[in-house]
C-alpha cells in the first residue's frame, strides 16, 4: 500500500484513518482464523498478509504522528484519538496471537 501523508489531514481524519486501517486488519485476522478452521489454509495466510498491509499503513500514520510531536507540534488529545490508538494496539496484539495460533495448528496438523 502507498504511504499516506497526514500533513493535510485534520486530527479527526487522522484518528479515523487509524481506526479504518486497524479495523480492516482486525476483520482480516478474524476471517483468517475462520478460514483456517474451515480448512482453507492458503486463504488464512493470505488474509493475515492483507491484515499486515493495513497494519503497516496504520503504523506509518502512527509513526508520522510521533514525528510531528517530537518536532514540537503537540498532538491534540481526544477520546477519538485514544479510541484509535486502542484499536491499533489491540489489533497488533491480536495479529501476533492469531499468527502464533495458526503456526501451532499447522505444526500439530490441526
C-alpha atoms as a PDB file:
ATOM      1  CA  UNK A   1       0.000   0.000   0.000  1.00  0.00           C
ATOM      2  CA  UNK A   2       1.067   3.542  -0.643  1.00  0.00           C
ATOM      3  CA  UNK A   3       2.248   5.689   2.241  1.00  0.00           C
ATOM      4  CA  UNK A   4      -0.400   8.102   3.480  1.00  0.00           C
ATOM      5  CA  UNK A   5       0.775  11.621   4.340  1.00  0.00           C
ATOM      6  CA  UNK A   6      -1.039  13.103   7.321  1.00  0.00           C
ATOM      7  CA  UNK A   7       0.099  16.692   6.814  1.00  0.00           C
ATOM      8  CA  UNK A   8      -3.173  17.788   5.173  1.00  0.00           C
ATOM      9  CA  UNK A   9      -5.498  15.802   7.433  1.00  0.00           C
ATOM     10  CA  UNK A  10      -7.376  17.093  10.451  1.00  0.00           C
ATOM     11  CA  UNK A  11      -6.838  15.409  13.807  1.00  0.00           C
ATOM     12  CA  UNK A  12     -10.206  13.687  13.423  1.00  0.00           C
ATOM     13  CA  UNK A  13      -9.322  12.427   9.944  1.00  0.00           C
ATOM     14  CA  UNK A  14      -6.045  11.020  11.249  1.00  0.00           C
ATOM     15  CA  UNK A  15      -7.889   9.181  14.030  1.00  0.00           C
ATOM     16  CA  UNK A  16     -10.418   7.813  11.566  1.00  0.00           C
ATOM     17  CA  UNK A  17      -7.633   6.596   9.274  1.00  0.00           C
ATOM     18  CA  UNK A  18      -6.107   4.712  12.209  1.00  0.00           C
ATOM     19  CA  UNK A  19      -9.498   3.197  13.026  1.00  0.00           C
ATOM     20  CA  UNK A  20     -10.167   2.343   9.374  1.00  0.00           C
ATOM     21  CA  UNK A  21      -6.903   0.541   8.749  1.00  0.00           C
ATOM     22  CA  UNK A  22      -6.710  -1.236  12.090  1.00  0.00           C
ATOM     23  CA  UNK A  23     -10.388  -2.198  11.753  1.00  0.00           C
ATOM     24  CA  UNK A  24      -9.800  -3.642   8.288  1.00  0.00           C
ATOM     25  CA  UNK A  25      -6.841  -5.575   9.670  1.00  0.00           C
ATOM     26  CA  UNK A  26      -8.864  -6.858  12.624  1.00  0.00           C
ATOM     27  CA  UNK A  27     -11.555  -8.149  10.256  1.00  0.00           C
ATOM     28  CA  UNK A  28      -8.959  -9.950   8.139  1.00  0.00           C
ATOM     29  CA  UNK A  29      -7.393 -11.508  11.225  1.00  0.00           C
ATOM     30  CA  UNK A  30     -10.725 -12.920  12.410  1.00  0.00           C
ATOM     31  CA  UNK A  31     -11.539 -14.093   8.881  1.00  0.00           C
ATOM     32  CA  UNK A  32      -8.153 -15.829   8.682  1.00  0.00           C
ATOM     33  CA  UNK A  33      -8.893 -17.860  11.791  1.00  0.00           C
ATOM     34  CA  UNK A  34     -12.309 -18.802  10.410  1.00  0.00           C
ATOM     35  CA  UNK A  35     -10.811 -19.710   7.028  1.00  0.00           C
ATOM     36  CA  UNK A  36      -8.269 -21.959   8.713  1.00  0.00           C
ATOM     37  CA  UNK A  37     -10.996 -23.579  10.789  1.00  0.00           C
ATOM     38  CA  UNK A  38     -12.837 -24.377   7.532  1.00  0.00           C
ATOM     39  CA  UNK A  39      -9.700 -25.966   6.081  1.00  0.00           C
ATOM     40  CA  UNK A  40      -8.656 -23.050   3.845  1.00  0.00           C
ATOM     41  CA  UNK A  41      -5.051 -22.697   4.998  1.00  0.00           C
ATOM     42  CA  UNK A  42      -3.866 -20.705   1.977  1.00  0.00           C
ATOM     43  CA  UNK A  43      -6.734 -18.254   2.361  1.00  0.00           C
ATOM     44  CA  UNK A  44      -5.906 -17.889   6.055  1.00  0.00           C
ATOM     45  CA  UNK A  45      -2.311 -16.984   5.190  1.00  0.00           C
ATOM     46  CA  UNK A  46      -3.448 -14.522   2.518  1.00  0.00           C
ATOM     47  CA  UNK A  47      -5.794 -12.821   4.984  1.00  0.00           C
ATOM     48  CA  UNK A  48      -3.011 -12.435   7.540  1.00  0.00           C
ATOM     49  CA  UNK A  49      -0.826 -10.881   4.827  1.00  0.00           C
ATOM     50  CA  UNK A  50      -3.666  -8.480   3.933  1.00  0.00           C
ATOM     51  CA  UNK A  51      -4.049  -7.582   7.611  1.00  0.00           C
ATOM     52  CA  UNK A  52      -0.334  -6.847   7.829  1.00  0.00           C
ATOM     53  CA  UNK A  53      -0.622  -4.439   4.877  1.00  0.00           C
ATOM     54  CA  UNK A  54      -3.372  -2.461   6.608  1.00  0.00           C
ATOM     55  CA  UNK A  55      -1.459  -2.521   9.876  1.00  0.00           C
ATOM     56  CA  UNK A  56       1.592  -1.209   8.056  1.00  0.00           C
ATOM     57  CA  UNK A  57      -0.412   1.812   6.893  1.00  0.00           C
ATOM     58  CA  UNK A  58      -1.790   2.384  10.400  1.00  0.00           C
ATOM     59  CA  UNK A  59       1.668   2.007  11.931  1.00  0.00           C
ATOM     60  CA  UNK A  60       3.090   4.507   9.447  1.00  0.00           C
ATOM     61  CA  UNK A  61       0.364   7.039  10.320  1.00  0.00           C
ATOM     62  CA  UNK A  62       1.147   6.494  13.994  1.00  0.00           C
ATOM     63  CA  UNK A  63       4.859   6.995  13.335  1.00  0.00           C
ATOM     64  CA  UNK A  64       4.173  10.254  11.461  1.00  0.00           C
ATOM     65  CA  UNK A  65       2.176  11.468  14.476  1.00  0.00           C
ATOM     66  CA  UNK A  66       5.125  10.696  16.746  1.00  0.00           C
ATOM     67  CA  UNK A  67       7.485  12.513  14.380  1.00  0.00           C
ATOM     68  CA  UNK A  68       5.248  15.599  14.383  1.00  0.00           C
ATOM     69  CA  UNK A  69       5.095  15.628  18.162  1.00  0.00           C
ATOM     70  CA  UNK A  70       8.832  15.113  18.555  1.00  0.00           C
ATOM     71  CA  UNK A  71       9.268  18.076  16.193  1.00  0.00           C
ATOM     72  CA  UNK A  72       7.363  20.294  18.602  1.00  0.00           C
ATOM     73  CA  UNK A  73       3.825  20.013  17.239  1.00  0.00           C
ATOM     74  CA  UNK A  74       1.775  18.503  20.068  1.00  0.00           C
ATOM     75  CA  UNK A  75      -0.977  16.069  19.131  1.00  0.00           C
ATOM     76  CA  UNK A  76      -4.463  17.118  20.121  1.00  0.00           C
ATOM     77  CA  UNK A  77      -5.588  14.606  22.717  1.00  0.00           C
ATOM     78  CA  UNK A  78      -9.173  13.415  22.350  1.00  0.00           C
ATOM     79  CA  UNK A  79     -11.334  10.454  23.183  1.00  0.00           C
ATOM     80  CA  UNK A  80     -11.405   9.678  19.454  1.00  0.00           C
ATOM     81  CA  UNK A  81      -7.608   9.539  19.270  1.00  0.00           C
ATOM     82  CA  UNK A  82      -7.490   7.395  22.399  1.00  0.00           C
ATOM     83  CA  UNK A  83     -10.005   5.011  20.800  1.00  0.00           C
ATOM     84  CA  UNK A  84      -7.977   4.902  17.575  1.00  0.00           C
ATOM     85  CA  UNK A  85      -4.773   4.128  19.461  1.00  0.00           C
ATOM     86  CA  UNK A  86      -6.504   1.425  21.492  1.00  0.00           C
ATOM     87  CA  UNK A  87      -7.932  -0.077  18.303  1.00  0.00           C
ATOM     88  CA  UNK A  88      -4.490  -0.163  16.695  1.00  0.00           C
ATOM     89  CA  UNK A  89      -2.679  -1.638  19.685  1.00  0.00           C
ATOM     90  CA  UNK A  90      -5.290  -4.326  20.343  1.00  0.00           C
ATOM     91  CA  UNK A  91      -5.268  -5.308  16.672  1.00  0.00           C
ATOM     92  CA  UNK A  92      -1.484  -5.603  16.697  1.00  0.00           C
ATOM     93  CA  UNK A  93      -1.710  -7.886  19.733  1.00  0.00           C
ATOM     94  CA  UNK A  94      -4.492  -9.898  18.143  1.00  0.00           C
ATOM     95  CA  UNK A  95      -2.462 -10.375  14.960  1.00  0.00           C
ATOM     96  CA  UNK A  96       0.533 -11.750  16.853  1.00  0.00           C
ATOM     97  CA  UNK A  97      -1.646 -14.102  18.874  1.00  0.00           C
ATOM     98  CA  UNK A  98      -3.538 -15.423  15.830  1.00  0.00           C
ATOM     99  CA  UNK A  99      -0.303 -15.889  13.872  1.00  0.00           C
ATOM    100  CA  UNK A 100       1.093 -17.960  16.742  1.00  0.00           C
ATOM    101  CA  UNK A 101      -2.134 -19.970  16.941  1.00  0.00           C
ATOM    102  CA  UNK A 102      -2.078 -20.688  13.205  1.00  0.00           C
ATOM    103  CA  UNK A 103       1.569 -21.752  13.399  1.00  0.00           C
ATOM    104  CA  UNK A 104       0.715 -24.057  16.290  1.00  0.00           C
ATOM    105  CA  UNK A 105      -2.231 -25.534  14.388  1.00  0.00           C
ATOM    106  CA  UNK A 106      -0.017 -26.132  11.343  1.00  0.00           C
ATOM    107  CA  UNK A 107       2.679 -27.772  13.457  1.00  0.00           C
ATOM    108  CA  UNK A 108       0.138 -30.092  15.065  1.00  0.00           C
ATOM    109  CA  UNK A 109      -1.613 -30.734  11.716  1.00  0.00           C
ATOM    110  CA  UNK A 110      -4.900 -29.442  13.079  1.00  0.00           C
END
